[in-house]
Amino acid sequence: MEAVLGFAGIPEGVDSEDGGGLLFTTKDGELHARTLT
């Protein structure tokens, strides 16, 4: 099972062209961070 811990949004135009963010999840006791665009 994978659980979402939180989301860090990145406003458009800050260090990127499209904005986006980071999605933090935990799976089997391991922390994962995914970049969303």
PDB file of N, CA and C in Angstrom:
ATOM      1  N   MET A   1       0.847  -1.196   0.000  1.00  0.00           N
ATOM      2  CA  MET A   1       0.000   0.000   0.000  1.00  0.00           C
ATOM      3  C   MET A   1       0.879   1.240   0.000  1.00  0.00           C
ATOM      4  N   GLU A   2       0.473   2.201  -0.774  1.00  0.00           N
ATOM      5  CA  GLU A   2       1.217   3.454  -0.859  1.00  0.00           C
ATOM      6  C   GLU A   2       0.362   4.567  -0.282  1.00  0.00           C
ATOM      7  N   ALA A   3       0.925   5.349   0.628  1.00  0.00           N
ATOM      8  CA  ALA A   3       0.180   6.427   1.268  1.00  0.00           C
ATOM      9  C   ALA A   3       0.812   7.769   0.915  1.00  0.00           C
ATOM     10  N   VAL A   4      -0.037   8.744   0.632  1.00  0.00           N
ATOM     11  CA  VAL A   4       0.441  10.086   0.313  1.00  0.00           C
ATOM     12  C   VAL A   4       0.671  10.848   1.610  1.00  0.00           C
ATOM     13  N   LEU A   5       1.872  11.379   1.775  1.00  0.00           N
ATOM     14  CA  LEU A   5       2.216  12.128   2.980  1.00  0.00           C
ATOM     15  C   LEU A   5       1.954  13.615   2.804  1.00  0.00           C
ATOM     16  N   GLY A   6       2.219  14.133   1.610  1.00  0.00           N
ATOM     17  CA  GLY A   6       2.030  15.562   1.419  1.00  0.00           C
ATOM     18  C   GLY A   6       2.378  15.977   0.006  1.00  0.00           C
ATOM     19  N   PHE A   7       2.131  17.247  -0.270  1.00  0.00           N
ATOM     20  CA  PHE A   7       2.396  17.797  -1.588  1.00  0.00           C
ATOM     21  C   PHE A   7       2.999  19.179  -1.428  1.00  0.00           C
ATOM     22  N   ALA A   8       4.079  19.438  -2.148  1.00  0.00           N
ATOM     23  CA  ALA A   8       4.705  20.753  -2.146  1.00  0.00           C
ATOM     24  C   ALA A   8       4.560  21.347  -3.538  1.00  0.00           C
ATOM     25  N   GLY A   9       3.718  22.337  -3.664  1.00  0.00           N
ATOM     26  CA  GLY A   9       3.479  22.955  -4.958  1.00  0.00           C
ATOM     27  C   GLY A   9       4.552  23.960  -5.309  1.00  0.00           C
ATOM     28  N   ILE A  10       4.863  24.032  -6.582  1.00  0.00           N
ATOM     29  CA  ILE A  10       5.824  25.012  -7.082  1.00  0.00           C
ATOM     30  C   ILE A  10       5.080  25.950  -8.031  1.00  0.00           C
ATOM     31  N   PRO A  11       4.999  27.232  -7.695  1.00  0.00           N
ATOM     32  CA  PRO A  11       4.257  28.172  -8.550  1.00  0.00           C
ATOM     33  C   PRO A  11       4.850  28.256  -9.950  1.00  0.00           C
ATOM     34  N   GLU A  12       4.023  28.546 -10.900  1.00  0.00           N
ATOM     35  CA  GLU A  12       4.457  28.676 -12.288  1.00  0.00           C
ATOM     36  C   GLU A  12       5.494  29.782 -12.408  1.00  0.00           C
ATOM     37  N   GLY A  13       6.554  29.498 -13.118  1.00  0.00           N
ATOM     38  CA  GLY A  13       7.565  30.506 -13.380  1.00  0.00           C
ATOM     39  C   GLY A  13       8.691  30.530 -12.366  1.00  0.00           C
ATOM     40  N   VAL A  14       8.623  29.706 -11.325  1.00  0.00           N
ATOM     41  CA  VAL A  14       9.693  29.665 -10.336  1.00  0.00           C
ATOM     42  C   VAL A  14      10.590  28.466 -10.618  1.00  0.00           C
ATOM     43  N   ASP A  15      11.766  28.735 -11.181  1.00  0.00           N
ATOM     44  CA  ASP A  15      12.754  27.699 -11.466  1.00  0.00           C
ATOM     45  C   ASP A  15      12.225  26.613 -12.404  1.00  0.00           C
ATOM     46  N   SER A  16      11.189  26.932 -13.160  1.00  0.00           N
ATOM     47  CA  SER A  16      10.639  25.971 -14.116  1.00  0.00           C
ATOM     48  C   SER A  16       9.792  26.725 -15.118  1.00  0.00           C
ATOM     49  N   GLU A  17       9.427  26.060 -16.187  1.00  0.00           N
ATOM     50  CA  GLU A  17       8.602  26.713 -17.198  1.00  0.00           C
ATOM     51  C   GLU A  17       7.118  26.545 -16.915  1.00  0.00           C
ATOM     52  N   ASP A  18       6.745  25.422 -16.347  1.00  0.00           N
ATOM     53  CA  ASP A  18       5.327  25.085 -16.234  1.00  0.00           C
ATOM     54  C   ASP A  18       4.796  25.112 -14.808  1.00  0.00           C
ATOM     55  N   GLY A  19       5.702  25.260 -13.828  1.00  0.00           N
ATOM     56  CA  GLY A  19       5.253  25.033 -12.462  1.00  0.00           C
ATOM     57  C   GLY A  19       5.211  23.545 -12.204  1.00  0.00           C
ATOM     58  N   GLY A  20       4.529  23.147 -11.154  1.00  0.00           N
ATOM     59  CA  GLY A  20       4.468  21.729 -10.819  1.00  0.00           C
ATOM     60  C   GLY A  20       4.576  21.552  -9.329  1.00  0.00           C
ATOM     61  N   GLY A  21       5.278  20.511  -8.913  1.00  0.00           N
ATOM     62  CA  GLY A  21       5.419  20.297  -7.486  1.00  0.00           C
ATOM     63  C   GLY A  21       6.031  18.951  -7.178  1.00  0.00           C
ATOM     64  N   LEU A  22       6.114  18.664  -5.898  1.00  0.00           N
ATOM     65  CA  LEU A  22       6.633  17.392  -5.421  1.00  0.00           C
ATOM     66  C   LEU A  22       5.549  16.675  -4.638  1.00  0.00           C
ATOM     67  N   LEU A  23       5.371  15.410  -4.939  1.00  0.00           N
ATOM     68  CA  LEU A  23       4.419  14.577  -4.214  1.00  0.00           C
ATOM     69  C   LEU A  23       5.209  13.595  -3.357  1.00  0.00           C
ATOM     70  N   PHE A  24       4.968  13.650  -2.047  1.00  0.00           N
ATOM     71  CA  PHE A  24       5.681  12.773  -1.124  1.00  0.00           C
ATOM     72  C   PHE A  24       4.790  11.605  -0.734  1.00  0.00           C
ATOM     73  N   THR A  25       5.291  10.402  -0.908  1.00  0.00           N
ATOM     74  CA  THR A  25       4.523   9.210  -0.566  1.00  0.00           C
ATOM     75  C   THR A  25       5.404   8.253   0.228  1.00  0.00           C
ATOM     76  N   THR A  26       4.770   7.323   0.902  1.00  0.00           N
ATOM     77  CA  THR A  26       5.497   6.261   1.587  1.00  0.00           C
ATOM     78  C   THR A  26       4.955   4.924   1.127  1.00  0.00           C
ATOM     79  N   LYS A  27       5.867   3.999   0.860  1.00  0.00           N
ATOM     80  CA  LYS A  27       5.476   2.669   0.407  1.00  0.00           C
ATOM     81  C   LYS A  27       6.402   1.654   1.060  1.00  0.00           C
ATOM     82  N   ASP A  28       5.830   0.704   1.766  1.00  0.00           N
ATOM     83  CA  ASP A  28       6.603  -0.330   2.466  1.00  0.00           C
ATOM     84  C   ASP A  28       7.659   0.285   3.381  1.00  0.00           C
ATOM     85  N   GLY A  29       7.313   1.385   4.036  1.00  0.00           N
ATOM     86  CA  GLY A  29       8.231   2.026   4.970  1.00  0.00           C
ATOM     87  C   GLY A  29       9.300   2.875   4.322  1.00  0.00           C
ATOM     88  N   GLU A  30       9.266   3.020   2.994  1.00  0.00           N
ATOM     89  CA  GLU A  30      10.262   3.832   2.297  1.00  0.00           C
ATOM     90  C   GLU A  30       9.638   5.134   1.815  1.00  0.00           C
ATOM     91  N   LEU A  31      10.394   6.204   1.943  1.00  0.00           N
ATOM     92  CA  LEU A  31       9.913   7.510   1.506  1.00  0.00           C
ATOM     93  C   LEU A  31      10.233   7.717   0.033  1.00  0.00           C
ATOM     94  N   HIS A  32       9.246   8.186  -0.703  1.00  0.00           N
ATOM     95  CA  HIS A  32       9.425   8.472  -2.123  1.00  0.00           C
ATOM     96  C   HIS A  32       8.983   9.903  -2.397  1.00  0.00           C
ATOM     97  N   ALA A  33       9.668  10.563  -3.304  1.00  0.00           N
ATOM     98  CA  ALA A  33       9.273  11.894  -3.747  1.00  0.00           C
ATOM     99  C   ALA A  33       9.187  11.879  -5.264  1.00  0.00           C
ATOM    100  N   ARG A  34       8.056  12.325  -5.778  1.00  0.00           N
ATOM    101  CA  ARG A  34       7.859  12.352  -7.228  1.00  0.00           C
ATOM    102  C   ARG A  34       7.705  13.793  -7.681  1.00  0.00           C
ATOM    103  N   THR A  35       8.304  14.106  -8.802  1.00  0.00           N
ATOM    104  CA  THR A  35       8.145  15.434  -9.387  1.00  0.00           C
ATOM    105  C   THR A  35       6.924  15.433 -10.290  1.00  0.00           C
ATOM    106  N   LEU A  36       6.026  16.380 -10.055  1.00  0.00           N
ATOM    107  CA  LEU A  36       4.837  16.510 -10.889  1.00  0.00           C
ATOM    108  C   LEU A  36       4.990  17.724 -11.772  1.00  0.00           C
ATOM    109  N   THR A  37       4.582  17.605 -13.036  1.00  0.00           N
ATOM    110  CA  THR A  37       4.679  18.735 -13.952  1.00  0.00           C
ATOM    111  C   THR A  37       3.316  19.085 -14.490  1.00  0.00           C
TER     112      THR A  37
END
